[in-house]
Amino acid sequence: MGIKEINIIEAHTSIVADLKTAFPSCSIGDYRRENGAVKAPALALELAEIEPGEKNPGTGQLEATFRWVVYPLIHFKTKDAARKVAALVCAVAKFVHGNRFGLPVSAAKFIGGYPEDFKPAKDGYEEWRVEFEFSGYLGESVWDDAGITPQTVYLGYSPLIGAAYKADYQEVEGIEAVEG
């Protein structure tokens, strides 16, 4: 049985759409522009890192952990800008933690919220970064889900196996099926 693969383009689109719904007062997009004006308040999403996971699902797929960063920005002339960006950071952290964004991935884990380093192009903004990660699978499964899933499993002991020893087999009970 195959595990649904993650499409990274769809992941970006889905996360951005969910951020737009959750934060309608913010301008939202993927990847920060290093030049030009930004309509603040704003959130910018970036895929920052992909690392191999530890699981081998037996499907020929690669489990990967995807680390994402959301950059909340508030214009420095906004009254209480530092407090407002901190509040936005907390709201984004709560929003991303445990979220799956409609994707075939693990529940997202909030990693942390940090003030962003000074960048001359971002002078005039209070900027932080919110990091989160989730795991998913890259590539298609080698299993096409064709065929019949066994409903009953029997256990035999070598060398007493095969049709001649069918009566000696024991039915395996008390184990629930695991879905990808």
Protein backbone atom coordinates (compact mmCIF):
# COMPACT_ATOMS: atom_id res chain seq x y z
CA MET A 1 0.00 0.00 0.00
CA GLY A 2 1.43 3.36 -1.00
CA ILE A 3 1.82 6.48 1.07
CA LYS A 4 0.75 9.68 -0.65
CA GLU A 5 3.70 11.80 -1.68
CA ILE A 6 4.09 15.50 -0.93
CA ASN A 7 4.17 17.89 -3.87
CA ILE A 8 6.28 20.84 -2.76
CA ILE A 9 4.53 23.31 -5.11
CA GLU A 10 1.15 22.29 -3.67
CA ALA A 11 2.61 22.54 -0.15
CA HIS A 12 3.64 26.18 -0.72
CA THR A 13 0.25 27.01 -2.21
CA SER A 14 -1.68 25.32 0.59
CA ILE A 15 0.32 26.90 3.42
CA VAL A 16 0.06 30.38 1.86
CA ALA A 17 -3.71 29.93 1.37
CA ASP A 18 -4.17 28.84 4.99
CA LEU A 19 -2.10 31.81 6.22
CA LYS A 20 -4.26 34.17 4.12
CA THR A 21 -7.39 32.75 5.69
CA ALA A 22 -6.01 32.87 9.23
CA PHE A 23 -4.41 36.34 8.93
CA PRO A 24 -6.63 38.38 6.60
CA SER A 25 -5.14 41.73 7.72
CA CYS A 26 -1.66 40.69 6.54
CA SER A 27 -0.24 40.68 3.04
CA ILE A 28 1.04 37.16 2.47
CA GLY A 29 3.32 35.50 -0.04
CA ASP A 30 6.17 33.09 -0.42
CA TYR A 31 9.76 34.12 -0.19
CA ARG A 32 10.82 37.50 1.06
CA ARG A 33 11.67 40.22 -1.37
CA GLU A 34 14.97 41.75 -0.35
CA ASN A 35 14.25 44.96 -2.26
CA GLY A 36 11.24 47.20 -2.55
CA ALA A 37 8.40 48.18 -0.28
CA VAL A 38 6.35 45.62 1.57
CA LYS A 39 2.73 46.23 2.48
CA ALA A 40 2.81 45.61 6.23
CA PRO A 41 1.73 43.86 8.29
CA ALA A 42 3.03 40.97 6.23
CA LEU A 43 3.90 37.30 6.41
CA ALA A 44 6.36 35.68 4.00
CA LEU A 45 6.81 31.91 3.79
CA GLU A 46 10.04 30.15 2.84
CA LEU A 47 11.06 26.53 2.65
CA ALA A 48 14.36 26.76 4.51
CA GLU A 49 15.63 23.20 4.74
CA ILE A 50 14.93 19.60 3.75
CA GLU A 51 16.56 16.78 5.69
CA PRO A 52 16.18 13.01 5.41
CA GLY A 53 13.81 11.40 7.87
CA GLU A 54 14.47 8.24 9.85
CA LYS A 55 11.60 6.06 8.63
CA ASN A 56 11.74 3.68 5.69
CA PRO A 57 8.13 3.04 4.74
CA GLY A 58 9.04 0.14 2.43
CA THR A 59 7.52 1.97 -0.53
CA GLY A 60 10.67 3.22 -2.26
CA GLN A 61 9.86 6.75 -1.08
CA LEU A 62 12.13 9.07 0.86
CA GLU A 63 10.83 10.37 4.16
CA ALA A 64 11.94 13.97 4.57
CA THR A 65 11.59 16.65 7.22
CA PHE A 66 10.70 20.03 5.78
CA ARG A 67 11.68 23.11 7.82
CA TRP A 68 9.66 26.21 7.00
CA VAL A 69 10.07 29.82 8.07
CA VAL A 70 7.36 32.46 8.23
CA TYR A 71 8.65 36.03 8.45
CA PRO A 72 6.22 38.39 10.21
CA LEU A 73 6.88 42.09 9.43
CA ILE A 74 5.40 45.24 10.93
CA HIS A 75 6.35 48.74 9.81
CA PHE A 76 8.41 50.48 12.51
CA LYS A 77 6.12 53.55 12.45
CA THR A 78 3.19 51.43 13.60
CA LYS A 79 2.29 52.32 17.17
CA ASP A 80 3.76 49.67 19.52
CA ALA A 81 5.42 47.95 16.51
CA ALA A 82 7.68 45.72 18.63
CA ARG A 83 4.74 44.50 20.72
CA LYS A 84 2.54 44.00 17.68
CA VAL A 85 5.15 41.96 15.82
CA ALA A 86 5.67 39.86 18.97
CA ALA A 87 1.90 39.26 19.16
CA LEU A 88 1.88 38.30 15.46
CA VAL A 89 4.78 35.89 16.05
CA CYS A 90 2.81 34.23 18.87
CA ALA A 91 -0.33 33.98 16.72
CA VAL A 92 1.62 32.42 13.83
CA ALA A 93 3.32 29.97 16.23
CA LYS A 94 -0.05 28.84 17.59
CA PHE A 95 -1.48 28.60 14.07
CA VAL A 96 1.28 26.44 12.58
CA HIS A 97 1.73 24.09 15.55
CA GLY A 98 -0.16 20.85 14.90
CA ASN A 99 -1.41 22.07 11.51
CA ARG A 100 -1.26 19.77 8.48
CA PHE A 101 -2.37 22.43 5.97
CA GLY A 102 -4.48 19.84 4.10
CA LEU A 103 -1.30 18.00 3.09
CA PRO A 104 -0.27 14.33 3.44
CA VAL A 105 2.25 15.18 6.19
CA SER A 106 2.77 14.83 9.92
CA ALA A 107 1.35 17.49 12.20
CA ALA A 108 3.61 20.55 12.12
CA LYS A 109 5.88 21.17 15.08
CA PHE A 110 6.61 24.75 16.14
CA ILE A 111 10.39 25.10 16.51
CA GLY A 112 10.75 28.70 17.67
CA GLY A 113 10.26 32.42 17.06
CA TYR A 114 13.30 34.67 16.78
CA PRO A 115 14.07 38.30 15.99
CA GLU A 116 15.45 38.47 12.47
CA ASP A 117 18.93 39.85 11.88
CA PHE A 118 19.18 43.40 10.64
CA LYS A 119 19.12 43.74 6.86
CA PRO A 120 19.55 47.17 5.28
CA ALA A 121 16.85 46.35 2.70
CA LYS A 122 14.42 45.72 5.58
CA ASP A 123 15.31 48.89 7.46
CA GLY A 124 12.05 50.35 8.66
CA TYR A 125 10.43 47.06 9.66
CA GLU A 126 10.23 45.02 12.81
CA GLU A 127 10.90 41.51 11.46
CA TRP A 128 10.95 38.12 13.16
CA ARG A 129 11.03 34.55 11.93
CA VAL A 130 8.82 31.67 13.02
CA GLU A 131 10.21 28.20 12.29
CA PHE A 132 8.19 25.00 12.04
CA GLU A 133 8.63 21.59 10.49
CA PHE A 134 6.71 18.56 9.37
CA SER A 135 7.57 15.25 7.72
CA GLY A 136 6.30 13.81 4.47
CA TYR A 137 7.34 11.48 1.68
CA LEU A 138 9.07 12.36 -1.57
CA GLY A 139 8.43 10.28 -4.66
CA GLU A 140 5.73 7.87 -5.68
CA SER A 141 5.21 4.57 -3.94
CA VAL A 142 6.35 1.45 -5.78
CA TRP A 143 3.07 -0.14 -4.66
CA ASP A 144 0.12 0.48 -6.94
CA ASP A 145 -2.50 -0.69 -4.40
CA ALA A 146 -3.68 -3.32 -6.91
CA GLY A 147 -4.59 -6.73 -5.59
CA ILE A 148 -6.27 -7.96 -2.48
CA THR A 149 -5.31 -7.03 1.06
CA PRO A 150 -5.20 -10.17 3.23
CA GLN A 151 -7.91 -10.29 5.90
CA THR A 152 -6.50 -13.30 7.76
CA VAL A 153 -2.84 -14.03 8.46
CA TYR A 154 -1.46 -17.45 9.41
CA LEU A 155 1.87 -18.32 11.02
CA GLY A 156 3.91 -21.42 10.25
CA TYR A 157 7.29 -22.53 11.55
CA SER A 158 10.11 -23.58 9.24
CA PRO A 159 10.71 -26.26 8.08
CA LEU A 160 7.04 -27.22 8.63
CA ILE A 161 5.67 -24.86 5.98
CA GLY A 162 3.75 -25.24 2.76
CA ALA A 163 0.45 -26.81 1.72
CA ALA A 164 1.30 -30.15 3.36
CA TYR A 165 1.44 -28.43 6.79
CA LYS A 166 -1.60 -26.18 6.38
CA ALA A 167 -3.34 -27.78 9.39
CA ASP A 168 -0.36 -26.90 11.63
CA TYR A 169 -0.54 -23.15 10.89
CA GLN A 170 -1.84 -20.81 13.59
CA GLU A 171 -4.06 -17.83 12.84
CA VAL A 172 -2.52 -14.55 13.98
CA GLU A 173 -5.12 -12.65 16.02
CA GLY A 174 -5.32 -9.38 17.88
CA ILE A 175 -3.30 -7.31 15.42
CA GLU A 176 -4.95 -4.36 13.72
CA ALA A 177 -4.14 -3.39 10.17
CA VAL A 178 -1.85 -0.38 9.80
CA GLU A 179 -2.62 2.10 7.04
CA GLY A 180 0.28 3.98 5.38
